[in-house]
Amino acid sequence: MEIILKQDIKGLGYKNDIVSVKPGYGRNYLIPQGFAIIANNSNKKMIAENVRQAAHKAEKIKSDALAIAEKIGDLTLEIGTKAGESGKIFGAITALQVADALSAKGIEIDRKKIAFSSQVKEVGEYSVKLDLHRDVKHDITIKVVAE
């Protein structure tokens, strides 16, 4: 089943993308929740017109995302947390903690745009991917230290 996404959905696609999903997922979840519409000819034409009209706005959003990525650069965040003697931390480092550490540096990023390659459950260095825009992804390093 082909659908047109009305908003960004992690792991599926971005707003105005035409994606193919299983019929049950589209009919029972995405469409009733308002996340998508069926990709028929009239809806495809409507979305194409909307995309064409919003092209200059999209370029500004992309340039803003590139500016944020440039501002971040090779930033290494240091996040302090309680840890045991073996180096295991109590709980895990979450996207919210990374977002708070970034905002302390003056960079505002939505926590939903932060993805870990693996769970952070020990003291050490980890790579974190920031999804700033459809075409702009940026990696930063976080250093987890014991308090």
C-alpha atoms as a PDB file:
ATOM      1  CA  MET A   1       0.000   0.000   0.000  1.00  0.00           C
ATOM      2  CA  GLU A   2       1.375   3.395  -0.969  1.00  0.00           C
ATOM      3  CA  ILE A   3       0.824   6.337   1.353  1.00  0.00           C
ATOM      4  CA  ILE A   4       1.952   9.956   1.559  1.00  0.00           C
ATOM      5  CA  LEU A   5       3.388  10.959   4.927  1.00  0.00           C
ATOM      6  CA  LYS A   6       1.980  14.120   6.494  1.00  0.00           C
ATOM      7  CA  GLN A   7       4.832  14.383   9.025  1.00  0.00           C
ATOM      8  CA  ASP A   8       8.284  12.927   9.699  1.00  0.00           C
ATOM      9  CA  ILE A   9       8.134   9.387  11.070  1.00  0.00           C
ATOM     10  CA  LYS A  10      11.352   7.925  12.431  1.00  0.00           C
ATOM     11  CA  GLY A  11      12.389   4.809  10.534  1.00  0.00           C
ATOM     12  CA  LEU A  12       9.788   5.302   7.789  1.00  0.00           C
ATOM     13  CA  GLY A  13      10.321   8.627   6.041  1.00  0.00           C
ATOM     14  CA  TYR A  14       9.892  12.359   5.989  1.00  0.00           C
ATOM     15  CA  LYS A  15       6.954  14.667   5.380  1.00  0.00           C
ATOM     16  CA  ASN A  16       5.520  14.488   1.824  1.00  0.00           C
ATOM     17  CA  ASP A  17       7.402  11.240   1.035  1.00  0.00           C
ATOM     18  CA  ILE A  18       5.520   8.525  -0.799  1.00  0.00           C
ATOM     19  CA  VAL A  19       6.306   5.270   0.978  1.00  0.00           C
ATOM     20  CA  SER A  20       5.098   1.715   0.687  1.00  0.00           C
ATOM     21  CA  VAL A  21       3.846   0.070   3.888  1.00  0.00           C
ATOM     22  CA  LYS A  22       1.896  -3.019   4.796  1.00  0.00           C
ATOM     23  CA  PRO A  23      -1.843  -2.420   4.357  1.00  0.00           C
ATOM     24  CA  GLY A  24      -2.716  -3.021   8.016  1.00  0.00           C
ATOM     25  CA  TYR A  25      -0.079  -0.548   9.271  1.00  0.00           C
ATOM     26  CA  GLY A  26      -1.331   2.129   6.889  1.00  0.00           C
ATOM     27  CA  ARG A  27      -5.059   1.532   7.260  1.00  0.00           C
ATOM     28  CA  ASN A  28      -5.158   0.851  11.017  1.00  0.00           C
ATOM     29  CA  TYR A  29      -2.479   3.178  12.385  1.00  0.00           C
ATOM     30  CA  LEU A  30      -0.968   5.790  10.061  1.00  0.00           C
ATOM     31  CA  ILE A  31      -4.135   7.058   8.358  1.00  0.00           C
ATOM     32  CA  PRO A  32      -6.433   7.143  11.452  1.00  0.00           C
ATOM     33  CA  GLN A  33      -3.742   8.904  13.514  1.00  0.00           C
ATOM     34  CA  GLY A  34      -3.429  11.560  10.801  1.00  0.00           C
ATOM     35  CA  PHE A  35       0.199  10.665  10.033  1.00  0.00           C
ATOM     36  CA  ALA A  36      -0.502   9.775   6.386  1.00  0.00           C
ATOM     37  CA  ILE A  37      -2.985   9.831   3.511  1.00  0.00           C
ATOM     38  CA  ILE A  38      -3.546   7.319   0.725  1.00  0.00           C
ATOM     39  CA  ALA A  39      -1.339   7.975  -2.326  1.00  0.00           C
ATOM     40  CA  ASN A  40      -3.940   8.241  -5.105  1.00  0.00           C
ATOM     41  CA  ASN A  41      -3.476  10.438  -8.171  1.00  0.00           C
ATOM     42  CA  SER A  42      -5.292  13.497  -6.797  1.00  0.00           C
ATOM     43  CA  ASN A  43      -3.381  13.389  -3.490  1.00  0.00           C
ATOM     44  CA  LYS A  44      -0.072  12.966  -5.354  1.00  0.00           C
ATOM     45  CA  LYS A  45      -0.837  16.073  -7.466  1.00  0.00           C
ATOM     46  CA  MET A  46      -1.833  18.055  -4.382  1.00  0.00           C
ATOM     47  CA  ILE A  47       1.374  17.116  -2.524  1.00  0.00           C
ATOM     48  CA  ALA A  48       3.514  17.887  -5.601  1.00  0.00           C
ATOM     49  CA  GLU A  49       1.985  21.372  -5.778  1.00  0.00           C
ATOM     50  CA  ASN A  50       2.517  21.939  -2.057  1.00  0.00           C
ATOM     51  CA  VAL A  51       6.147  20.818  -2.332  1.00  0.00           C
ATOM     52  CA  ARG A  52       6.721  23.113  -5.302  1.00  0.00           C
ATOM     53  CA  GLN A  53       5.302  26.092  -3.407  1.00  0.00           C
ATOM     54  CA  ALA A  54       7.276  25.313  -0.247  1.00  0.00           C
ATOM     55  CA  ALA A  55      10.607  24.767  -2.032  1.00  0.00           C
ATOM     56  CA  HIS A  56      12.092  28.137  -1.030  1.00  0.00           C
ATOM     57  CA  LYS A  57      11.048  27.612   2.613  1.00  0.00           C
ATOM     58  CA  ALA A  58      12.644  24.170   2.572  1.00  0.00           C
ATOM     59  CA  GLU A  59      15.900  25.659   1.296  1.00  0.00           C
ATOM     60  CA  LYS A  60      15.981  28.082   4.231  1.00  0.00           C
ATOM     61  CA  ILE A  61      15.317  25.252   6.707  1.00  0.00           C
ATOM     62  CA  LYS A  62      18.127  23.228   5.137  1.00  0.00           C
ATOM     63  CA  SER A  63      20.543  26.157   5.327  1.00  0.00           C
ATOM     64  CA  ASP A  64      19.611  26.647   9.001  1.00  0.00           C
ATOM     65  CA  ALA A  65      20.325  22.952   9.655  1.00  0.00           C
ATOM     66  CA  LEU A  66      23.697  23.273   7.883  1.00  0.00           C
ATOM     67  CA  ALA A  67      24.500  26.308  10.034  1.00  0.00           C
ATOM     68  CA  ILE A  68      23.707  24.348  13.198  1.00  0.00           C
ATOM     69  CA  ALA A  69      25.870  21.443  12.002  1.00  0.00           C
ATOM     70  CA  GLU A  70      28.707  23.862  11.303  1.00  0.00           C
ATOM     71  CA  LYS A  71      28.279  25.476  14.725  1.00  0.00           C
ATOM     72  CA  ILE A  72      28.434  22.065  16.414  1.00  0.00           C
ATOM     73  CA  GLY A  73      31.510  20.969  14.468  1.00  0.00           C
ATOM     74  CA  ASP A  74      33.536  18.292  16.259  1.00  0.00           C
ATOM     75  CA  LEU A  75      31.907  18.979  19.607  1.00  0.00           C
ATOM     76  CA  THR A  76      32.496  16.496  22.426  1.00  0.00           C
ATOM     77  CA  LEU A  77      29.914  16.636  25.182  1.00  0.00           C
ATOM     78  CA  GLU A  78      30.789  15.506  28.676  1.00  0.00           C
ATOM     79  CA  ILE A  79      27.882  14.017  30.605  1.00  0.00           C
ATOM     80  CA  GLY A  80      28.338  13.170  34.261  1.00  0.00           C
ATOM     81  CA  THR A  81      26.311  10.409  35.874  1.00  0.00           C
ATOM     82  CA  LYS A  82      26.402   8.081  38.839  1.00  0.00           C
ATOM     83  CA  ALA A  83      28.422   4.943  38.134  1.00  0.00           C
ATOM     84  CA  GLY A  84      29.574   1.876  39.990  1.00  0.00           C
ATOM     85  CA  GLU A  85      33.209   0.941  40.526  1.00  0.00           C
ATOM     86  CA  SER A  86      33.177  -1.365  37.495  1.00  0.00           C
ATOM     87  CA  GLY A  87      32.267   1.538  35.190  1.00  0.00           C
ATOM     88  CA  LYS A  88      28.616   0.595  34.699  1.00  0.00           C
ATOM     89  CA  ILE A  89      26.295   3.530  35.126  1.00  0.00           C
ATOM     90  CA  PHE A  90      23.019   3.423  37.013  1.00  0.00           C
ATOM     91  CA  GLY A  91      20.350   3.555  34.322  1.00  0.00           C
ATOM     92  CA  ALA A  92      21.346   4.801  30.864  1.00  0.00           C
ATOM     93  CA  ILE A  93      22.158   8.052  29.100  1.00  0.00           C
ATOM     94  CA  THR A  94      19.080   9.202  27.182  1.00  0.00           C
ATOM     95  CA  ALA A  95      18.428  11.584  24.316  1.00  0.00           C
ATOM     96  CA  LEU A  96      16.946  14.041  26.815  1.00  0.00           C
ATOM     97  CA  GLN A  97      20.261  14.272  28.691  1.00  0.00           C
ATOM     98  CA  VAL A  98      22.131  14.845  25.426  1.00  0.00           C
ATOM     99  CA  ALA A  99      19.600  17.527  24.401  1.00  0.00           C
ATOM    100  CA  ASP A 100      20.031  19.233  27.787  1.00  0.00           C
ATOM    101  CA  ALA A 101      23.837  19.149  27.441  1.00  0.00           C
ATOM    102  CA  LEU A 102      23.560  20.666  23.949  1.00  0.00           C
ATOM    103  CA  SER A 103      21.207  23.405  25.167  1.00  0.00           C
ATOM    104  CA  ALA A 104      23.705  24.227  27.924  1.00  0.00           C
ATOM    105  CA  LYS A 105      26.186  24.902  25.088  1.00  0.00           C
ATOM    106  CA  GLY A 106      23.608  27.148  23.365  1.00  0.00           C
ATOM    107  CA  ILE A 107      22.437  24.655  20.729  1.00  0.00           C
ATOM    108  CA  GLU A 108      18.733  23.811  20.744  1.00  0.00           C
ATOM    109  CA  ILE A 109      17.918  20.408  19.216  1.00  0.00           C
ATOM    110  CA  ASP A 110      14.743  18.391  19.710  1.00  0.00           C
ATOM    111  CA  ARG A 111      15.430  15.198  21.649  1.00  0.00           C
ATOM    112  CA  LYS A 112      13.530  13.198  19.016  1.00  0.00           C
ATOM    113  CA  LYS A 113      16.230  14.090  16.498  1.00  0.00           C
ATOM    114  CA  ILE A 114      18.968  12.381  18.570  1.00  0.00           C
ATOM    115  CA  ALA A 115      19.813   8.728  17.909  1.00  0.00           C
ATOM    116  CA  PHE A 116      22.315   6.442  19.597  1.00  0.00           C
ATOM    117  CA  SER A 117      24.136   3.695  17.728  1.00  0.00           C
ATOM    118  CA  SER A 118      24.034   1.575  20.896  1.00  0.00           C
ATOM    119  CA  GLN A 119      22.702   1.959  24.421  1.00  0.00           C
ATOM    120  CA  VAL A 120      24.937   3.986  26.704  1.00  0.00           C
ATOM    121  CA  LYS A 121      25.247   1.952  29.889  1.00  0.00           C
ATOM    122  CA  GLU A 122      28.950   2.301  30.734  1.00  0.00           C
ATOM    123  CA  VAL A 123      31.484   5.056  31.243  1.00  0.00           C
ATOM    124  CA  GLY A 124      33.308   5.883  27.997  1.00  0.00           C
ATOM    125  CA  GLU A 125      32.981   7.637  24.640  1.00  0.00           C
ATOM    126  CA  TYR A 126      30.035   7.112  22.304  1.00  0.00           C
ATOM    127  CA  SER A 127      28.966   8.429  18.927  1.00  0.00           C
ATOM    128  CA  VAL A 128      25.552  10.085  18.665  1.00  0.00           C
ATOM    129  CA  LYS A 129      23.790  10.940  15.383  1.00  0.00           C
ATOM    130  CA  LEU A 130      21.820  14.173  15.094  1.00  0.00           C
ATOM    131  CA  ASP A 131      19.104  14.224  12.419  1.00  0.00           C
ATOM    132  CA  LEU A 132      19.004  17.961  11.758  1.00  0.00           C
ATOM    133  CA  HIS A 133      17.257  17.763   8.366  1.00  0.00           C
ATOM    134  CA  ARG A 134      16.366  15.208   5.731  1.00  0.00           C
ATOM    135  CA  ASP A 135      19.710  15.876   4.002  1.00  0.00           C
ATOM    136  CA  VAL A 136      21.741  17.008   7.028  1.00  0.00           C
ATOM    137  CA  LYS A 137      22.949  14.412   9.516  1.00  0.00           C
ATOM    138  CA  HIS A 138      25.699  15.193  12.001  1.00  0.00           C
ATOM    139  CA  ASP A 139      27.698  13.021  14.396  1.00  0.00           C
ATOM    140  CA  ILE A 140      28.916  14.188  17.782  1.00  0.00           C
ATOM    141  CA  THR A 141      30.841  12.409  20.480  1.00  0.00           C
ATOM    142  CA  ILE A 142      29.622  12.150  24.038  1.00  0.00           C
ATOM    143  CA  LYS A 143      31.945  11.300  26.879  1.00  0.00           C
ATOM    144  CA  VAL A 144      30.234   9.661  29.830  1.00  0.00           C
ATOM    145  CA  VAL A 145      32.077  10.231  33.087  1.00  0.00           C
ATOM    146  CA  ALA A 146      31.381   9.127  36.650  1.00  0.00           C
ATOM    147  CA  GLU A 147      30.443  11.843  39.118  1.00  0.00           C
END
